[in-house]
C-alpha atoms as a PDB file:
ATOM      1  CA  MET A   1     -16.523  -6.220  -2.329  1.00  0.00           C
ATOM      2  CA  VAL A   2     -13.553  -4.569  -0.711  1.00  0.00           C
ATOM      3  CA  ARG A   3     -10.323  -6.543  -0.698  1.00  0.00           C
ATOM      4  CA  THR A   4      -8.529  -7.314   2.563  1.00  0.00           C
ATOM      5  CA  GLY A   5      -5.021  -7.064   2.798  1.00  0.00           C
ATOM      6  CA  GLN A   6      -0.946  -9.426   7.320  1.00  0.00           C
ATOM      7  CA  LEU A   7       1.211  -8.917  10.091  1.00  0.00           C
ATOM      8  CA  VAL A   8       4.868  -8.443  10.888  1.00  0.00           C
ATOM      9  CA  GLY A   9       6.927  -7.768  14.011  1.00  0.00           C
ATOM     10  CA  VAL A  10       6.505  -4.968  16.514  1.00  0.00           C
ATOM     11  CA  VAL A  11       8.339  -1.666  16.116  1.00  0.00           C
ATOM     12  CA  ALA A  12       7.583   1.961  16.901  1.00  0.00           C
ATOM     13  CA  LEU A  13       6.352   4.234  14.138  1.00  0.00           C
ATOM     14  CA  GLY A  14       9.695   5.999  14.114  1.00  0.00           C
ATOM     15  CA  GLY A  15      11.608   2.739  13.760  1.00  0.00           C
ATOM     16  CA  CYS A  16      11.011   2.096  10.068  1.00  0.00           C
ATOM     17  CA  GLU A  17      14.116   1.482   7.997  1.00  0.00           C
ATOM     18  CA  GLY A  18      14.490   1.189   4.235  1.00  0.00           C
ATOM     19  CA  THR A  19      15.280  -2.157   2.694  1.00  0.00           C
ATOM     20  CA  GLY A  20      16.938  -0.970  -0.504  1.00  0.00           C
ATOM     21  CA  ALA A  21      15.759  -0.902  -4.085  1.00  0.00           C
ATOM     22  CA  ASP A  22      15.818  -4.679  -4.532  1.00  0.00           C
ATOM     23  CA  GLU A  23      12.497  -5.602  -2.996  1.00  0.00           C
ATOM     24  CA  GLY A  24      12.999  -9.362  -3.049  1.00  0.00           C
ATOM     25  CA  ALA A  25      10.341 -11.992  -2.515  1.00  0.00           C
ATOM     26  CA  SER A  26       7.331 -11.559  -0.252  1.00  0.00           C
ATOM     27  CA  ALA A  27       6.786 -13.225   3.085  1.00  0.00           C
ATOM     28  CA  ASP A  28       4.096 -15.753   4.064  1.00  0.00           C
ATOM     29  CA  GLN A  29       0.756 -15.354   2.375  1.00  0.00           C
ATOM     30  CA  GLY A  30      -2.739 -15.248   3.809  1.00  0.00           C
ATOM     31  CA  GLY A  31      -5.700 -12.868   3.848  1.00  0.00           C
ATOM     32  CA  SER A  32      -9.084 -13.002   2.169  1.00  0.00           C
ATOM     33  CA  ASP A  33     -11.893 -10.941   0.711  1.00  0.00           C
ATOM     34  CA  GLY A  34     -13.207  -8.173   2.923  1.00  0.00           C
ATOM     35  CA  LEU A  35     -16.119  -5.826   3.567  1.00  0.00           C
ATOM     36  CA  ASP A  36     -19.576  -6.957   2.667  1.00  0.00           C
ATOM     37  CA  GLU A  37     -20.935  -4.226   0.448  1.00  0.00           C
ATOM     38  CA  GLY A  38     -24.119  -4.173   2.520  1.00  0.00           C
ATOM     39  CA  SER A  39     -22.344  -3.293   5.774  1.00  0.00           C
ATOM     40  CA  GLU A  40     -19.889  -0.611   6.807  1.00  0.00           C
ATOM     41  CA  ASP A  41     -18.824  -2.158  10.104  1.00  0.00           C
ATOM     42  CA  GLU A  42     -18.568  -5.916   9.572  1.00  0.00           C
ATOM     43  CA  LEU A  43     -16.395  -7.989   7.285  1.00  0.00           C
ATOM     44  CA  GLY A  44     -18.165 -10.045   4.637  1.00  0.00           C
ATOM     45  CA  GLU A  45     -18.755 -13.777   4.851  1.00  0.00           C
ATOM     46  CA  ASP A  46     -15.765 -14.590   2.640  1.00  0.00           C
ATOM     47  CA  ALA A  47     -13.392 -13.073   5.205  1.00  0.00           C
ATOM     48  CA  GLU A  48     -14.937 -14.500   8.351  1.00  0.00           C
ATOM     49  CA  THR A  49     -14.426 -17.917   9.881  1.00  0.00           C
ATOM     50  CA  THR A  50     -15.477 -19.201  13.288  1.00  0.00           C
ATOM     51  CA  SER A  51     -13.054 -19.285  16.207  1.00  0.00           C
ATOM     52  CA  GLU A  52     -12.817 -22.125  18.729  1.00  0.00           C
ATOM     53  CA  ASP A  53     -15.151 -20.269  21.084  1.00  0.00           C
ATOM     54  CA  GLY A  54     -17.765 -19.909  18.350  1.00  0.00           C
ATOM     55  CA  GLY A  55     -17.197 -16.207  17.628  1.00  0.00           C
ATOM     56  CA  PRO A  56     -16.203 -14.672  14.285  1.00  0.00           C
ATOM     57  CA  SER A  57     -12.542 -14.839  13.289  1.00  0.00           C
ATOM     58  CA  CYS A  58     -10.751 -12.862  10.561  1.00  0.00           C
ATOM     59  CA  ALA A  59      -7.436 -13.876   9.011  1.00  0.00           C
ATOM     60  CA  PRO A  60      -4.659 -11.268   9.279  1.00  0.00           C
ATOM     61  CA  SER A  61      -3.869  -9.336   6.112  1.00  0.00           C
ATOM     62  CA  THR A  62      -1.330 -10.839   3.749  1.00  0.00           C
ATOM     63  CA  GLU A  63       2.232  -9.829   4.533  1.00  0.00           C
ATOM     64  CA  GLN A  64       4.511  -8.444   1.843  1.00  0.00           C
ATOM     65  CA  THR A  65       8.006  -7.005   1.953  1.00  0.00           C
ATOM     66  CA  ALA A  66       8.182  -3.374   3.079  1.00  0.00           C
ATOM     67  CA  GLY A  67      10.187  -2.570  -0.036  1.00  0.00           C
ATOM     68  CA  PRO A  68      11.779   0.813  -0.635  1.00  0.00           C
ATOM     69  CA  PHE A  69      11.814   2.996   1.413  1.00  0.00           C
ATOM     70  CA  PRO A  70       9.925   3.148   4.726  1.00  0.00           C
ATOM     71  CA  GLN A  71      10.106   6.432   6.618  1.00  0.00           C
ATOM     72  CA  ASP A  72       7.795   8.190   9.053  1.00  0.00           C
ATOM     73  CA  GLY A  73       5.925  10.471   6.671  1.00  0.00           C
ATOM     74  CA  PHE A  74       3.660  13.279   7.837  1.00  0.00           C
ATOM     75  CA  GLU A  75       0.104  13.246   9.125  1.00  0.00           C
ATOM     76  CA  ARG A  76      -1.897  13.960   5.983  1.00  0.00           C
ATOM     77  CA  SER A  77      -4.501  12.179   3.901  1.00  0.00           C
ATOM     78  CA  ALA A  78      -3.968  14.156   0.672  1.00  0.00           C
ATOM     79  CA  LEU A  79      -0.626  13.250  -0.934  1.00  0.00           C
ATOM     80  CA  ASP A  80      -1.120  15.038  -4.275  1.00  0.00           C
ATOM     81  CA  LEU A  81       0.538  18.250  -3.101  1.00  0.00           C
ATOM     82  CA  TYR A  82       3.313  18.952  -5.586  1.00  0.00           C
ATOM     83  CA  GLY A  83       1.729  19.806  -8.927  1.00  0.00           C
ATOM     84  CA  HIS A  84       2.985  16.670 -10.670  1.00  0.00           C
ATOM     85  CA  GLU A  85       1.160  15.244 -13.661  1.00  0.00           C
ATOM     86  CA  GLY A  86      -0.501  11.941 -12.942  1.00  0.00           C
ATOM     87  CA  VAL A  87      -3.656   9.898 -12.653  1.00  0.00           C
ATOM     88  CA  PRO A  88      -5.607  10.727  -9.461  1.00  0.00           C
ATOM     89  CA  PHE A  89      -7.074   8.073  -7.217  1.00  0.00           C
ATOM     90  CA  THR A  90      -8.582   7.745  -3.768  1.00  0.00           C
ATOM     91  CA  LEU A  91      -8.093   4.854  -1.349  1.00  0.00           C
ATOM     92  CA  ASP A  92     -10.312   4.026   1.592  1.00  0.00           C
ATOM     93  CA  GLY A  93     -11.153   1.080   3.786  1.00  0.00           C
ATOM     94  CA  GLN A  94     -11.363  -0.139   7.361  1.00  0.00           C
ATOM     95  CA  VAL A  95      -8.952  -1.722   9.827  1.00  0.00           C
ATOM     96  CA  PHE A  96     -10.231  -4.743  11.775  1.00  0.00           C
ATOM     97  CA  ASP A  97      -8.892  -7.026  14.498  1.00  0.00           C
ATOM     98  CA  GLU A  98      -8.915 -10.827  14.330  1.00  0.00           C
ATOM     99  CA  GLN A  99     -12.398 -10.886  15.874  1.00  0.00           C
ATOM    100  CA  CYS A 100     -13.591  -8.814  12.900  1.00  0.00           C
ATOM    101  CA  GLN A 101     -14.164  -5.720  15.021  1.00  0.00           C
ATOM    102  CA  PRO A 102     -13.095  -2.298  13.692  1.00  0.00           C
ATOM    103  CA  ILE A 103     -10.036  -0.745  15.311  1.00  0.00           C
ATOM    104  CA  ALA A 104     -10.305   2.943  16.167  1.00  0.00           C
ATOM    105  CA  ASP A 105      -7.251   5.226  16.355  1.00  0.00           C
ATOM    106  CA  ALA A 106      -4.970   2.876  14.404  1.00  0.00           C
ATOM    107  CA  VAL A 107      -2.259   4.635  12.359  1.00  0.00           C
ATOM    108  CA  VAL A 108      -2.275   3.764   8.644  1.00  0.00           C
ATOM    109  CA  LEU A 109       0.952   4.775   6.885  1.00  0.00           C
ATOM    110  CA  LEU A 110       0.919   4.936   3.080  1.00  0.00           C
ATOM    111  CA  TRP A 111       3.796   5.659   0.724  1.00  0.00           C
ATOM    112  CA  HIS A 112       4.524   5.174  -2.962  1.00  0.00           C
ATOM    113  CA  ALA A 113       6.806   6.190  -5.802  1.00  0.00           C
ATOM    114  CA  SER A 114       6.321   9.347  -7.832  1.00  0.00           C
ATOM    115  CA  PRO A 115       3.629   9.384 -10.520  1.00  0.00           C
ATOM    116  CA  SER A 116       4.127   9.171 -14.257  1.00  0.00           C
ATOM    117  CA  PRO A 117       2.174  11.557 -16.514  1.00  0.00           C
ATOM    118  CA  PRO A 118      -1.054  10.098 -17.933  1.00  0.00           C
ATOM    119  CA  GLY A 119      -0.323   7.718 -20.813  1.00  0.00           C
ATOM    120  CA  VAL A 120       3.427   7.614 -20.126  1.00  0.00           C
ATOM    121  CA  ARG A 121       4.779   4.170 -19.264  1.00  0.00           C
ATOM    122  CA  PRO A 122       7.598   1.786 -20.211  1.00  0.00           C
ATOM    123  CA  ALA A 123       7.295   0.157 -23.607  1.00  0.00           C
ATOM    124  CA  SER A 124       7.708  -3.293 -22.028  1.00  0.00           C
ATOM    125  CA  THR A 125       8.912  -4.921 -18.816  1.00  0.00           C
ATOM    126  CA  ALA A 126      12.516  -4.650 -20.072  1.00  0.00           C
ATOM    127  CA  PRO A 127      14.528  -1.449 -19.404  1.00  0.00           C
ATOM    128  CA  ASP A 128      13.228   1.367 -21.597  1.00  0.00           C
ATOM    129  CA  PRO A 129      15.743   4.186 -22.178  1.00  0.00           C
ATOM    130  CA  GLU A 130      12.923   6.510 -23.247  1.00  0.00           C
ATOM    131  CA  TYR A 131      11.021   6.131 -19.981  1.00  0.00           C
ATOM    132  CA  VAL A 132      11.898   8.180 -16.882  1.00  0.00           C
ATOM    133  CA  SER A 133      11.466   5.820 -13.925  1.00  0.00           C
ATOM    134  CA  ALA A 134       9.413   6.672 -10.878  1.00  0.00           C
ATOM    135  CA  ILE A 135      11.413   7.463  -7.726  1.00  0.00           C
ATOM    136  CA  TYR A 136      10.950   7.680  -3.973  1.00  0.00           C
ATOM    137  CA  ASP A 137      11.649  10.872  -2.051  1.00  0.00           C
ATOM    138  CA  HIS A 138      14.353   9.212   0.058  1.00  0.00           C
ATOM    139  CA  GLU A 139      18.070   9.808   0.604  1.00  0.00           C
ATOM    140  CA  ALA A 140      18.865   6.427  -0.969  1.00  0.00           C
ATOM    141  CA  GLN A 141      17.855   7.911  -4.346  1.00  0.00           C
ATOM    142  CA  ALA A 142      19.743  11.177  -3.919  1.00  0.00           C
ATOM    143  CA  ASP A 143      21.083  11.102  -7.510  1.00  0.00           C
ATOM    144  CA  ALA A 144      17.564  11.081  -8.947  1.00  0.00           C
ATOM    145  CA  GLU A 145      15.112  13.893  -9.618  1.00  0.00           C
ATOM    146  CA  THR A 146      11.382  14.344  -9.178  1.00  0.00           C
ATOM    147  CA  PRO A 147       9.153  14.822 -12.247  1.00  0.00           C
ATOM    148  CA  ASP A 148       9.543  18.598 -11.865  1.00  0.00           C
ATOM    149  CA  GLY A 149      13.341  18.447 -11.592  1.00  0.00           C
ATOM    150  CA  GLN A 150      13.809  18.676  -7.817  1.00  0.00           C
ATOM    151  CA  ALA A 151      16.704  16.742  -6.320  1.00  0.00           C
ATOM    152  CA  VAL A 152      15.742  14.163  -3.700  1.00  0.00           C
ATOM    153  CA  PRO A 153      15.429  13.970  -0.806  1.00  0.00           C
ATOM    154  CA  THR A 154      13.325  17.135  -0.847  1.00  0.00           C
ATOM    155  CA  GLY A 155      12.650  17.188   2.888  1.00  0.00           C
ATOM    156  CA  GLU A 156       8.947  16.914   2.083  1.00  0.00           C
ATOM    157  CA  GLN A 157       8.806  13.103   1.985  1.00  0.00           C
ATOM    158  CA  MET A 158       6.596  13.420  -1.075  1.00  0.00           C
ATOM    159  CA  TYR A 159       3.912  10.741  -1.391  1.00  0.00           C
ATOM    160  CA  TYR A 160       4.359   9.625   2.220  1.00  0.00           C
ATOM    161  CA  GLY A 161       1.531  10.190   4.683  1.00  0.00           C
ATOM    162  CA  TRP A 162      -0.350   8.705   7.596  1.00  0.00           C
ATOM    163  CA  VAL A 163      -3.811   9.016   9.097  1.00  0.00           C
ATOM    164  CA  ARG A 164      -5.631   7.700  12.160  1.00  0.00           C
ATOM    165  CA  THR A 165      -8.717   5.556  11.780  1.00  0.00           C
ATOM    166  CA  ASP A 166     -12.018   6.902  13.047  1.00  0.00           C
ATOM    167  CA  ALA A 167     -14.359   5.221  15.544  1.00  0.00           C
ATOM    168  CA  ALA A 168     -15.476   2.741  12.855  1.00  0.00           C
ATOM    169  CA  GLY A 169     -11.891   1.889  11.861  1.00  0.00           C
ATOM    170  CA  ARG A 170     -12.108   3.831   8.605  1.00  0.00           C
ATOM    171  CA  TYR A 171      -9.170   5.467   6.821  1.00  0.00           C
ATOM    172  CA  ALA A 172      -8.869   7.403   3.553  1.00  0.00           C
ATOM    173  CA  PHE A 173      -6.190   8.883   1.278  1.00  0.00           C
ATOM    174  CA  SER A 174      -6.023  10.684  -2.054  1.00  0.00           C
ATOM    175  CA  SER A 175      -2.999  10.775  -4.340  1.00  0.00           C
ATOM    176  CA  LEU A 176      -1.700  10.151  -7.865  1.00  0.00           C
ATOM    177  CA  ARG A 177      -1.133   6.631  -9.123  1.00  0.00           C
ATOM    178  CA  PRO A 178       2.576   5.746  -8.832  1.00  0.00           C
ATOM    179  CA  GLY A 179       4.684   5.110 -11.909  1.00  0.00           C
ATOM    180  CA  TRP A 180       6.961   2.190 -12.679  1.00  0.00           C
ATOM    181  CA  TYR A 181      10.597   1.646 -11.766  1.00  0.00           C
ATOM    182  CA  LEU A 182      13.171  -1.052 -12.376  1.00  0.00           C
ATOM    183  CA  ASN A 183      13.607  -3.773  -9.777  1.00  0.00           C
ATOM    184  CA  GLY A 184      16.563  -5.658 -11.213  1.00  0.00           C
ATOM    185  CA  ALA A 185      16.066  -6.122 -14.953  1.00  0.00           C
ATOM    186  CA  SER A 186      12.312  -5.537 -15.106  1.00  0.00           C
ATOM    187  CA  TYR A 187       9.794  -2.909 -14.063  1.00  0.00           C
ATOM    188  CA  ARG A 188       7.676  -3.318 -10.967  1.00  0.00           C
ATOM    189  CA  THR A 189       3.972  -2.904 -11.459  1.00  0.00           C
ATOM    190  CA  SER A 190       2.366   0.228 -10.024  1.00  0.00           C
ATOM    191  CA  HIS A 191       1.837  -0.380  -6.303  1.00  0.00           C
ATOM    192  CA  LEU A 192       1.363   1.169  -2.884  1.00  0.00           C
ATOM    193  CA  HIS A 193       3.219   0.423   0.360  1.00  0.00           C
ATOM    194  CA  LEU A 194       1.184   0.334   3.538  1.00  0.00           C
ATOM    195  CA  ARG A 195       1.732  -0.244   7.244  1.00  0.00           C
ATOM    196  CA  VAL A 196      -0.688  -0.288  10.176  1.00  0.00           C
ATOM    197  CA  PHE A 197       0.270   0.531  13.768  1.00  0.00           C
ATOM    198  CA  VAL A 198      -2.022  -0.241  16.700  1.00  0.00           C
ATOM    199  CA  ASP A 199      -1.115   1.320  20.059  1.00  0.00           C
ATOM    200  CA  GLY A 200       2.331   2.100  18.614  1.00  0.00           C
ATOM    201  CA  ALA A 201       3.028  -1.501  17.535  1.00  0.00           C
ATOM    202  CA  LEU A 202       3.513  -2.456  13.881  1.00  0.00           C
ATOM    203  CA  ARG A 203       0.758  -4.917  13.005  1.00  0.00           C
ATOM    204  CA  VAL A 204       0.546  -4.912   9.197  1.00  0.00           C
ATOM    205  CA  THR A 205       3.108  -4.465   6.428  1.00  0.00           C
ATOM    206  CA  THR A 206       1.899  -5.069   2.895  1.00  0.00           C
ATOM    207  CA  GLN A 207       1.742  -3.766  -0.664  1.00  0.00           C
ATOM    208  CA  LEU A 208      -1.435  -2.973  -2.582  1.00  0.00           C
ATOM    209  CA  TYR A 209      -2.045  -3.288  -6.319  1.00  0.00           C
ATOM    210  CA  PHE A 210      -4.366  -1.811  -8.930  1.00  0.00           C
ATOM    211  CA  PRO A 211      -6.340  -4.544 -10.717  1.00  0.00           C
ATOM    212  CA  ASP A 212      -6.024  -2.890 -14.132  1.00  0.00           C
ATOM    213  CA  ASP A 213      -2.235  -2.422 -14.282  1.00  0.00           C
ATOM    214  CA  GLU A 214      -0.799  -4.194 -17.329  1.00  0.00           C
ATOM    215  CA  PHE A 215       2.470  -4.975 -15.513  1.00  0.00           C
ATOM    216  CA  ASN A 216       0.786  -7.083 -12.808  1.00  0.00           C
ATOM    217  CA  ASP A 217       1.269 -10.381 -14.611  1.00  0.00           C
ATOM    218  CA  SER A 218       5.047  -9.905 -14.921  1.00  0.00           C
ATOM    219  CA  ASP A 219       5.607  -8.811 -11.300  1.00  0.00           C
ATOM    220  CA  GLY A 220       6.770 -11.619  -9.009  1.00  0.00           C
ATOM    221  CA  ILE A 221       5.925  -9.766  -5.787  1.00  0.00           C
ATOM    222  CA  PHE A 222       2.405  -9.157  -7.059  1.00  0.00           C
ATOM    223  CA  ALA A 223       2.089 -12.847  -7.962  1.00  0.00           C
ATOM    224  CA  SER A 224       3.253 -13.974  -4.522  1.00  0.00           C
ATOM    225  CA  CYS A 225       0.207 -12.340  -2.951  1.00  0.00           C
ATOM    226  CA  GLU A 226      -2.101 -14.586  -5.000  1.00  0.00           C
ATOM    227  CA  GLY A 227      -4.718 -11.865  -5.444  1.00  0.00           C
ATOM    228  CA  ALA A 228      -5.068 -11.086  -1.731  1.00  0.00           C
ATOM    229  CA  CYS A 229      -3.369  -7.669  -2.086  1.00  0.00           C
ATOM    230  CA  THR A 230      -5.350  -6.351  -5.057  1.00  0.00           C
ATOM    231  CA  MET A 231      -7.567  -3.358  -4.360  1.00  0.00           C
ATOM    232  CA  SER A 232     -11.156  -3.061  -5.490  1.00  0.00           C
ATOM    233  CA  LEU A 233     -11.377  -0.262  -8.039  1.00  0.00           C
ATOM    234  CA  ASP A 234     -14.400   1.692  -9.218  1.00  0.00           C
ATOM    235  CA  GLY A 235     -13.278   4.416 -11.589  1.00  0.00           C
ATOM    236  CA  ASP A 236     -10.611   6.293  -9.645  1.00  0.00           C
ATOM    237  CA  ALA A 237     -11.862   5.069  -6.241  1.00  0.00           C
ATOM    238  CA  ALA A 238      -9.895   2.181  -4.714  1.00  0.00           C
ATOM    239  CA  SER A 239     -10.896   0.285  -1.568  1.00  0.00           C
ATOM    240  CA  PHE A 240      -9.070  -2.137   0.677  1.00  0.00           C
ATOM    241  CA  ASP A 241      -9.705  -3.444   4.199  1.00  0.00           C
ATOM    242  CA  LEU A 242      -6.996  -4.602   6.567  1.00  0.00           C
ATOM    243  CA  VAL A 243      -6.937  -7.097   9.428  1.00  0.00           C
ATOM    244  CA  ALA A 244      -4.311  -6.543  12.124  1.00  0.00           C
ATOM    245  CA  GLY A 245      -2.711  -9.645  13.571  1.00  0.00           C
ATOM    246  CA  PRO A 246      -1.513 -10.085  17.149  1.00  0.00           C
END
């Protein structure tokens, strides 16, 4: 079953601003399990409730802090464009409204930190001087370098991209799994940042997590989502459905 992911205020796509490297605690929680594996266009029973008028009702996706560093990105579904070493993955899913109907032409914006080479990770959650932390291609990290030694920002907004959903509300990306970086005195688990815009209005801001990452249990932002932000994963194929709030 695909996981579902919640809503925030209304801003234009170009109005995203970074929040800094300290990601802080998440906002209110909510959300539920998503797509029934037997259907492409309806949410599963676990995600649906009944509204006051007797129709289906779907809870908005769980909200999480935007984290570092929102920016517009470019229209592209393939984010593995730079020859970096890493573990490939795909992400797909659908965007629904609160009546559990798919939303066509929604903009799904995805961004994440740079990948780490396969098998390379911190020795523990504590700072590891032997590990080169993942970074974001953003001016706030201008003293850092990409895995291939480029100074950031590169102008490419590496690992930032957005797509529009199709008539069935579907979206898809491919990329490399992000590495780990320090948030205070401990490493954040590998995660993705995601926003959904409907008719130009920001309707979802959340973070998504891989179920097999060994740093999940030590990550407070992951814990605050109470499992509602964890992607389904089959090999290198991740899935996650989103419900846009009002």
